[in-house]
Amino acid sequence: MRAVWQRVSEAGVKVDGEEVARIGRGALVLLGVERGDGEADARYLAEKIVSLRAFEDAEGRMNRSVADIGGGLLLVSQFTLAGDCRKGRRPSFAGAAPPEEAERLYLRVAELARGFGVPVATGRFRARMAVRLVNDGPVTLLLDSRRRF
């Protein structure tokens, strides 16, 4: 599983012009599920996106998590994160998980993150979404459940 974690002052998602999710201060997380991902990957990323210390403390150091600041998460599925751009000019998405499996694991990450007491909003799986964000910092971090050690 791959994720792009962005610290935001606000973020939202629209589908067909209708706002389906919105958060204030917190993190927008774009999540791509790859073939072979499973429960362990979902657990790893859920814990990481909630506990990542990327918000400033009183001294201005990145020392606080989304949970610590009382922020929210906006989790958006993005299969293109599983794209392979090494050959040619068109990305290959052969490494992306099949849609049914990807949706199950995407929803599992959201469920696990909620279990840490953090409010989690989600986009709409397999929909064409308009994602709006105000990146705070900017702070953007890449996470990969297969590169954790």
N, C-alpha and C. Protein backbone atom coordinates (compact mmCIF):
# COMPACT_ATOMS: atom_id res chain seq x y z
N MET A 1 0.84 -1.17 0.00
CA MET A 1 0.00 0.00 0.00
C MET A 1 0.89 1.23 0.00
N ARG A 2 0.50 2.18 -0.80
CA ARG A 2 1.23 3.44 -0.84
C ARG A 2 0.28 4.57 -0.44
N ALA A 3 0.86 5.56 0.23
CA ALA A 3 0.04 6.71 0.64
C ALA A 3 0.84 7.99 0.48
N VAL A 4 0.13 9.03 0.13
CA VAL A 4 0.67 10.40 0.13
C VAL A 4 -0.09 11.10 1.25
N TRP A 5 0.67 11.51 2.28
CA TRP A 5 0.11 12.13 3.48
C TRP A 5 0.41 13.62 3.40
N GLN A 6 -0.63 14.46 3.44
CA GLN A 6 -0.45 15.91 3.33
C GLN A 6 -1.09 16.62 4.52
N ARG A 7 -0.28 17.42 5.20
CA ARG A 7 -0.82 18.22 6.30
C ARG A 7 -1.65 19.35 5.69
N VAL A 8 -2.88 19.49 6.18
CA VAL A 8 -3.79 20.48 5.60
C VAL A 8 -4.43 21.33 6.68
N SER A 9 -4.79 22.56 6.29
CA SER A 9 -5.62 23.37 7.16
C SER A 9 -7.10 23.11 6.85
N GLU A 10 -7.37 22.58 5.64
CA GLU A 10 -8.70 22.14 5.26
C GLU A 10 -8.60 21.33 3.97
N ALA A 11 -9.57 20.45 3.77
CA ALA A 11 -9.61 19.65 2.55
C ALA A 11 -11.03 19.15 2.34
N GLY A 12 -11.35 18.86 1.09
CA GLY A 12 -12.68 18.34 0.78
C GLY A 12 -12.69 17.59 -0.53
N VAL A 13 -13.77 16.85 -0.76
CA VAL A 13 -13.95 16.06 -1.97
C VAL A 13 -15.34 16.31 -2.51
N LYS A 14 -15.42 16.54 -3.82
CA LYS A 14 -16.70 16.64 -4.50
C LYS A 14 -16.80 15.54 -5.55
N VAL A 15 -18.01 15.02 -5.71
CA VAL A 15 -18.32 14.05 -6.76
C VAL A 15 -19.54 14.61 -7.49
N ASP A 16 -19.41 14.80 -8.79
CA ASP A 16 -20.50 15.37 -9.60
C ASP A 16 -21.00 16.69 -9.02
N GLY A 17 -20.08 17.51 -8.53
CA GLY A 17 -20.42 18.82 -8.00
C GLY A 17 -20.95 18.82 -6.58
N GLU A 18 -21.16 17.65 -6.00
CA GLU A 18 -21.69 17.54 -4.64
C GLU A 18 -20.55 17.23 -3.67
N GLU A 19 -20.45 18.03 -2.60
CA GLU A 19 -19.43 17.76 -1.60
C GLU A 19 -19.81 16.51 -0.81
N VAL A 20 -18.89 15.52 -0.82
CA VAL A 20 -19.17 14.26 -0.14
C VAL A 20 -18.33 14.11 1.13
N ALA A 21 -17.31 14.94 1.29
CA ALA A 21 -16.47 14.87 2.49
C ALA A 21 -15.72 16.18 2.66
N ARG A 22 -15.48 16.50 3.95
CA ARG A 22 -14.72 17.72 4.25
C ARG A 22 -14.12 17.58 5.64
N ILE A 23 -12.90 18.11 5.80
CA ILE A 23 -12.26 18.20 7.11
C ILE A 23 -11.66 19.59 7.26
N GLY A 24 -11.42 19.96 8.50
CA GLY A 24 -10.65 21.16 8.79
C GLY A 24 -9.19 20.75 8.94
N ARG A 25 -8.55 21.22 9.97
CA ARG A 25 -7.13 20.93 10.21
C ARG A 25 -6.92 19.43 10.37
N GLY A 26 -5.89 18.93 9.71
CA GLY A 26 -5.59 17.51 9.80
C GLY A 26 -4.73 17.06 8.64
N ALA A 27 -5.08 15.90 8.08
CA ALA A 27 -4.29 15.34 6.98
C ALA A 27 -5.19 14.78 5.89
N LEU A 28 -4.83 15.07 4.66
CA LEU A 28 -5.42 14.44 3.49
C LEU A 28 -4.49 13.30 3.13
N VAL A 29 -5.05 12.10 3.02
CA VAL A 29 -4.24 10.92 2.69
C VAL A 29 -4.78 10.30 1.42
N LEU A 30 -3.95 10.28 0.38
CA LEU A 30 -4.27 9.59 -0.86
C LEU A 30 -3.73 8.18 -0.71
N LEU A 31 -4.56 7.17 -0.94
CA LEU A 31 -4.19 5.79 -0.66
C LEU A 31 -4.32 4.92 -1.90
N GLY A 32 -3.23 4.23 -2.25
CA GLY A 32 -3.22 3.29 -3.37
C GLY A 32 -2.98 1.89 -2.86
N VAL A 33 -3.85 0.96 -3.23
CA VAL A 33 -3.73 -0.44 -2.80
C VAL A 33 -3.14 -1.25 -3.95
N GLU A 34 -2.12 -2.04 -3.63
CA GLU A 34 -1.42 -2.83 -4.63
C GLU A 34 -1.75 -4.31 -4.51
N ARG A 35 -1.54 -5.05 -5.58
CA ARG A 35 -1.72 -6.51 -5.55
C ARG A 35 -0.84 -7.08 -4.44
N GLY A 36 -1.41 -7.98 -3.67
CA GLY A 36 -0.65 -8.61 -2.60
C GLY A 36 -0.78 -7.92 -1.26
N ASP A 37 -1.38 -6.72 -1.23
CA ASP A 37 -1.58 -6.04 0.05
C ASP A 37 -2.63 -6.78 0.86
N GLY A 38 -2.52 -6.69 2.17
CA GLY A 38 -3.46 -7.39 3.03
C GLY A 38 -3.68 -6.66 4.34
N GLU A 39 -4.17 -7.39 5.32
CA GLU A 39 -4.52 -6.84 6.63
C GLU A 39 -3.32 -6.17 7.31
N ALA A 40 -2.15 -6.78 7.22
CA ALA A 40 -0.97 -6.20 7.87
C ALA A 40 -0.62 -4.84 7.27
N ASP A 41 -0.78 -4.70 5.97
CA ASP A 41 -0.52 -3.40 5.31
C ASP A 41 -1.54 -2.36 5.77
N ALA A 42 -2.80 -2.76 5.86
CA ALA A 42 -3.85 -1.84 6.31
C ALA A 42 -3.59 -1.38 7.74
N ARG A 43 -3.24 -2.32 8.61
CA ARG A 43 -2.97 -1.97 10.01
C ARG A 43 -1.76 -1.03 10.12
N TYR A 44 -0.71 -1.34 9.38
CA TYR A 44 0.49 -0.50 9.42
C TYR A 44 0.16 0.93 8.99
N LEU A 45 -0.51 1.07 7.84
CA LEU A 45 -0.79 2.43 7.34
C LEU A 45 -1.79 3.17 8.20
N ALA A 46 -2.79 2.49 8.72
CA ALA A 46 -3.77 3.17 9.58
C ALA A 46 -3.07 3.75 10.80
N GLU A 47 -2.24 2.96 11.45
CA GLU A 47 -1.52 3.44 12.63
C GLU A 47 -0.57 4.57 12.25
N LYS A 48 0.10 4.45 11.13
CA LYS A 48 1.08 5.45 10.71
C LYS A 48 0.41 6.78 10.38
N ILE A 49 -0.71 6.76 9.64
CA ILE A 49 -1.33 8.02 9.24
C ILE A 49 -1.93 8.77 10.43
N VAL A 50 -2.32 8.04 11.46
CA VAL A 50 -2.88 8.67 12.66
C VAL A 50 -1.77 9.19 13.58
N SER A 51 -0.68 8.46 13.69
CA SER A 51 0.34 8.79 14.69
C SER A 51 1.56 9.53 14.16
N LEU A 52 1.63 9.76 12.85
CA LEU A 52 2.77 10.47 12.26
C LEU A 52 2.89 11.86 12.88
N ARG A 53 4.05 12.16 13.45
CA ARG A 53 4.24 13.44 14.14
C ARG A 53 4.73 14.50 13.15
N ALA A 54 3.79 15.17 12.53
CA ALA A 54 4.11 16.16 11.49
C ALA A 54 3.44 17.50 11.74
N PHE A 55 2.95 17.71 12.96
CA PHE A 55 2.36 18.99 13.36
C PHE A 55 3.24 19.60 14.43
N GLU A 56 3.36 20.93 14.42
CA GLU A 56 4.25 21.61 15.35
C GLU A 56 3.72 21.59 16.78
N ASP A 57 4.69 21.49 17.70
CA ASP A 57 4.38 21.66 19.11
C ASP A 57 4.60 23.13 19.47
N ALA A 58 4.57 23.47 20.74
CA ALA A 58 4.72 24.86 21.19
C ALA A 58 6.07 25.46 20.81
N GLU A 59 7.08 24.62 20.62
CA GLU A 59 8.42 25.10 20.23
C GLU A 59 8.61 25.15 18.71
N GLY A 60 7.56 24.80 17.96
CA GLY A 60 7.66 24.85 16.51
C GLY A 60 8.27 23.60 15.89
N ARG A 61 8.47 22.56 16.68
CA ARG A 61 9.03 21.30 16.17
C ARG A 61 7.91 20.36 15.74
N MET A 62 8.13 19.61 14.68
CA MET A 62 7.15 18.61 14.24
C MET A 62 7.17 17.48 15.26
N ASN A 63 6.23 17.56 16.20
CA ASN A 63 6.25 16.63 17.32
C ASN A 63 4.86 16.17 17.74
N ARG A 64 3.84 16.55 16.94
CA ARG A 64 2.46 16.20 17.30
C ARG A 64 1.78 15.49 16.13
N SER A 65 0.88 14.58 16.46
CA SER A 65 0.16 13.82 15.44
C SER A 65 -1.23 14.40 15.20
N VAL A 66 -1.93 13.86 14.22
CA VAL A 66 -3.32 14.24 13.97
C VAL A 66 -4.14 14.03 15.24
N ALA A 67 -3.92 12.88 15.88
CA ALA A 67 -4.65 12.59 17.13
C ALA A 67 -4.32 13.62 18.20
N ASP A 68 -3.05 13.99 18.32
CA ASP A 68 -2.62 14.95 19.35
C ASP A 68 -3.28 16.32 19.18
N ILE A 69 -3.48 16.74 17.94
CA ILE A 69 -4.04 18.08 17.71
C ILE A 69 -5.56 18.08 17.63
N GLY A 70 -6.17 16.90 17.73
CA GLY A 70 -7.62 16.81 17.59
C GLY A 70 -8.07 17.05 16.16
N GLY A 71 -7.21 16.72 15.20
CA GLY A 71 -7.52 16.94 13.79
C GLY A 71 -8.27 15.77 13.18
N GLY A 72 -8.55 15.90 11.90
CA GLY A 72 -9.26 14.86 11.17
C GLY A 72 -8.43 14.33 10.02
N LEU A 73 -8.89 13.23 9.47
CA LEU A 73 -8.27 12.64 8.28
C LEU A 73 -9.29 12.62 7.15
N LEU A 74 -8.82 12.93 5.97
CA LEU A 74 -9.62 12.73 4.76
C LEU A 74 -8.88 11.69 3.95
N LEU A 75 -9.47 10.51 3.82
CA LEU A 75 -8.86 9.38 3.13
C LEU A 75 -9.49 9.25 1.76
N VAL A 76 -8.65 9.31 0.72
CA VAL A 76 -9.13 9.27 -0.66
C VAL A 76 -8.41 8.15 -1.39
N SER A 77 -9.18 7.25 -2.00
CA SER A 77 -8.57 6.17 -2.76
C SER A 77 -7.96 6.74 -4.05
N GLN A 78 -6.77 6.23 -4.40
CA GLN A 78 -6.12 6.70 -5.61
C GLN A 78 -5.28 5.57 -6.18
N PHE A 79 -5.90 4.78 -7.07
CA PHE A 79 -5.20 3.62 -7.61
C PHE A 79 -3.98 4.02 -8.43
N THR A 80 -3.91 5.25 -8.91
CA THR A 80 -2.77 5.65 -9.72
C THR A 80 -1.46 5.66 -8.93
N LEU A 81 -1.54 5.61 -7.59
CA LEU A 81 -0.31 5.50 -6.79
C LEU A 81 0.37 4.15 -7.00
N ALA A 82 -0.36 3.18 -7.54
CA ALA A 82 0.23 1.88 -7.86
C ALA A 82 0.78 1.85 -9.27
N GLY A 83 0.77 2.98 -9.94
CA GLY A 83 1.25 3.05 -11.32
C GLY A 83 2.75 2.87 -11.42
N ASP A 84 3.17 2.24 -12.49
CA ASP A 84 4.58 2.02 -12.77
C ASP A 84 4.93 2.81 -14.02
N CYS A 85 5.80 3.79 -13.86
CA CYS A 85 6.16 4.70 -14.96
C CYS A 85 7.56 4.44 -15.50
N ARG A 86 8.13 3.30 -15.19
CA ARG A 86 9.52 3.04 -15.59
C ARG A 86 9.69 2.80 -17.08
N LYS A 87 8.69 2.22 -17.74
CA LYS A 87 8.82 1.92 -19.17
C LYS A 87 7.86 2.77 -19.97
N GLY A 88 8.33 3.27 -21.08
CA GLY A 88 7.47 4.01 -21.99
C GLY A 88 6.96 5.31 -21.40
N ARG A 89 5.89 5.80 -22.00
CA ARG A 89 5.32 7.09 -21.58
C ARG A 89 3.96 6.96 -20.93
N ARG A 90 3.40 5.77 -20.98
CA ARG A 90 2.09 5.55 -20.36
C ARG A 90 2.29 4.68 -19.13
N PRO A 91 1.76 5.11 -17.98
CA PRO A 91 1.91 4.29 -16.78
C PRO A 91 1.17 2.96 -16.90
N SER A 92 1.73 1.94 -16.28
CA SER A 92 1.08 0.64 -16.19
C SER A 92 0.45 0.53 -14.80
N PHE A 93 -0.77 0.05 -14.77
CA PHE A 93 -1.46 -0.12 -13.50
C PHE A 93 -1.66 -1.61 -13.17
N ALA A 94 -0.83 -2.44 -13.77
CA ALA A 94 -0.91 -3.89 -13.55
C ALA A 94 -0.67 -4.24 -12.08
N GLY A 95 0.06 -3.40 -11.36
CA GLY A 95 0.35 -3.66 -9.95
C GLY A 95 -0.75 -3.24 -8.99
N ALA A 96 -1.77 -2.58 -9.50
CA ALA A 96 -2.88 -2.15 -8.64
C ALA A 96 -3.74 -3.35 -8.27
N ALA A 97 -4.25 -3.36 -7.06
CA ALA A 97 -5.14 -4.43 -6.62
C ALA A 97 -6.44 -4.39 -7.41
N PRO A 98 -7.08 -5.53 -7.61
CA PRO A 98 -8.40 -5.52 -8.25
C PRO A 98 -9.36 -4.63 -7.45
N PRO A 99 -10.30 -3.97 -8.12
CA PRO A 99 -11.17 -3.00 -7.44
C PRO A 99 -11.86 -3.51 -6.17
N GLU A 100 -12.38 -4.73 -6.18
CA GLU A 100 -13.09 -5.25 -5.00
C GLU A 100 -12.15 -5.36 -3.80
N GLU A 101 -10.94 -5.87 -4.05
CA GLU A 101 -9.96 -6.02 -2.97
C GLU A 101 -9.46 -4.64 -2.51
N ALA A 102 -9.23 -3.76 -3.46
CA ALA A 102 -8.76 -2.42 -3.12
C ALA A 102 -9.79 -1.68 -2.27
N GLU A 103 -11.06 -1.77 -2.64
CA GLU A 103 -12.10 -1.10 -1.86
C GLU A 103 -12.18 -1.66 -0.45
N ARG A 104 -12.11 -2.99 -0.33
CA ARG A 104 -12.17 -3.61 0.99
C ARG A 104 -11.04 -3.11 1.88
N LEU A 105 -9.82 -3.05 1.35
CA LEU A 105 -8.68 -2.62 2.16
C LEU A 105 -8.70 -1.12 2.42
N TYR A 106 -9.15 -0.34 1.46
CA TYR A 106 -9.30 1.11 1.64
C TYR A 106 -10.27 1.39 2.80
N LEU A 107 -11.42 0.71 2.79
CA LEU A 107 -12.40 0.89 3.86
C LEU A 107 -11.86 0.36 5.19
N ARG A 108 -11.03 -0.68 5.13
CA ARG A 108 -10.43 -1.22 6.35
C ARG A 108 -9.47 -0.22 6.97
N VAL A 109 -8.67 0.46 6.16
CA VAL A 109 -7.77 1.49 6.69
C VAL A 109 -8.59 2.58 7.37
N ALA A 110 -9.69 3.01 6.76
CA ALA A 110 -10.54 4.03 7.37
C ALA A 110 -11.09 3.54 8.70
N GLU A 111 -11.57 2.31 8.74
CA GLU A 111 -12.12 1.74 9.97
C GLU A 111 -11.07 1.66 11.07
N LEU A 112 -9.89 1.19 10.73
CA LEU A 112 -8.81 1.09 11.71
C LEU A 112 -8.40 2.46 12.23
N ALA A 113 -8.31 3.45 11.33
CA ALA A 113 -7.93 4.81 11.75
C ALA A 113 -8.98 5.37 12.71
N ARG A 114 -10.25 5.13 12.43
CA ARG A 114 -11.32 5.59 13.34
C ARG A 114 -11.16 4.94 14.72
N GLY A 115 -10.66 3.71 14.74
CA GLY A 115 -10.45 3.01 15.99
C GLY A 115 -9.45 3.68 16.90
N PHE A 116 -8.62 4.57 16.35
CA PHE A 116 -7.67 5.34 17.16
C PHE A 116 -8.31 6.62 17.69
N GLY A 117 -9.61 6.80 17.43
CA GLY A 117 -10.32 7.96 17.96
C GLY A 117 -10.22 9.21 17.10
N VAL A 118 -9.78 9.06 15.87
CA VAL A 118 -9.63 10.20 14.97
C VAL A 118 -10.81 10.21 14.00
N PRO A 119 -11.46 11.37 13.80
CA PRO A 119 -12.52 11.43 12.80
C PRO A 119 -11.95 11.21 11.40
N VAL A 120 -12.58 10.34 10.63
CA VAL A 120 -12.11 10.01 9.28
C VAL A 120 -13.25 10.23 8.29
N ALA A 121 -13.00 11.09 7.32
CA ALA A 121 -13.92 11.27 6.20
C ALA A 121 -13.31 10.56 5.00
N THR A 122 -14.15 10.12 4.09
CA THR A 122 -13.63 9.41 2.92
C THR A 122 -14.22 9.98 1.64
N GLY A 123 -13.45 9.78 0.58
CA GLY A 123 -13.96 10.07 -0.74
C GLY A 123 -14.90 8.95 -1.16
N ARG A 124 -15.22 8.88 -2.43
CA ARG A 124 -16.11 7.83 -2.93
C ARG A 124 -15.30 6.93 -3.85
N PHE A 125 -15.20 5.68 -3.47
CA PHE A 125 -14.39 4.71 -4.20
C PHE A 125 -14.87 4.57 -5.64
N ARG A 126 -13.94 4.56 -6.58
CA ARG A 126 -14.15 4.41 -8.02
C ARG A 126 -14.91 5.58 -8.66
N ALA A 127 -15.05 6.67 -7.96
CA ALA A 127 -15.71 7.85 -8.54
C ALA A 127 -14.64 8.82 -9.05
N ARG A 128 -15.03 9.64 -10.00
CA ARG A 128 -14.16 10.73 -10.43
C ARG A 128 -14.37 11.85 -9.41
N MET A 129 -13.33 12.15 -8.66
CA MET A 129 -13.44 13.10 -7.55
C MET A 129 -12.67 14.38 -7.83
N ALA A 130 -13.19 15.47 -7.34
CA ALA A 130 -12.48 16.74 -7.33
C ALA A 130 -12.01 16.93 -5.88
N VAL A 131 -10.70 16.85 -5.68
CA VAL A 131 -10.14 16.95 -4.34
C VAL A 131 -9.55 18.35 -4.17
N ARG A 132 -9.97 19.01 -3.11
CA ARG A 132 -9.52 20.37 -2.82
C ARG A 132 -8.78 20.33 -1.48
N LEU A 133 -7.65 21.02 -1.43
CA LEU A 133 -6.92 21.06 -0.18
C LEU A 133 -6.14 22.36 -0.06
N VAL A 134 -5.90 22.73 1.18
CA VAL A 134 -4.96 23.81 1.48
C VAL A 134 -3.84 23.13 2.26
N ASN A 135 -2.73 22.91 1.57
CA ASN A 135 -1.59 22.22 2.15
C ASN A 135 -0.91 23.18 3.13
N ASP A 136 -0.76 22.74 4.35
CA ASP A 136 -0.20 23.55 5.43
C ASP A 136 1.29 23.29 5.54
N GLY A 137 2.09 24.25 5.15
CA GLY A 137 3.54 24.11 5.27
C GLY A 137 4.28 24.53 4.01
N PRO A 138 4.20 23.81 2.94
CA PRO A 138 3.55 22.52 2.75
C PRO A 138 4.33 21.38 3.41
N VAL A 139 3.57 20.42 3.90
CA VAL A 139 4.15 19.19 4.44
C VAL A 139 3.49 18.04 3.70
N THR A 140 4.28 17.32 2.92
CA THR A 140 3.81 16.17 2.15
C THR A 140 4.79 15.03 2.35
N LEU A 141 4.27 13.87 2.78
CA LEU A 141 5.12 12.72 3.10
C LEU A 141 4.63 11.49 2.35
N LEU A 142 5.59 10.65 1.94
CA LEU A 142 5.27 9.42 1.23
C LEU A 142 5.40 8.23 2.17
N LEU A 143 4.41 7.35 2.14
CA LEU A 143 4.42 6.15 2.99
C LEU A 143 4.23 4.94 2.10
N ASP A 144 4.88 3.84 2.46
CA ASP A 144 4.78 2.61 1.70
C ASP A 144 4.84 1.45 2.68
N SER A 145 3.78 0.66 2.75
CA SER A 145 3.73 -0.43 3.72
C SER A 145 4.75 -1.52 3.43
N ARG A 146 5.28 -1.55 2.23
CA ARG A 146 6.28 -2.56 1.88
C ARG A 146 7.71 -2.08 2.16
N ARG A 147 7.86 -0.83 2.53
CA ARG A 147 9.19 -0.28 2.81
C ARG A 147 9.23 0.25 4.23
N ARG A 148 8.81 -0.57 5.18
CA ARG A 148 8.72 -0.10 6.56
C ARG A 148 9.92 -0.45 7.41
N PHE A 149 10.80 -1.31 6.94
CA PHE A 149 11.96 -1.71 7.75
C PHE A 149 13.24 -1.24 7.14
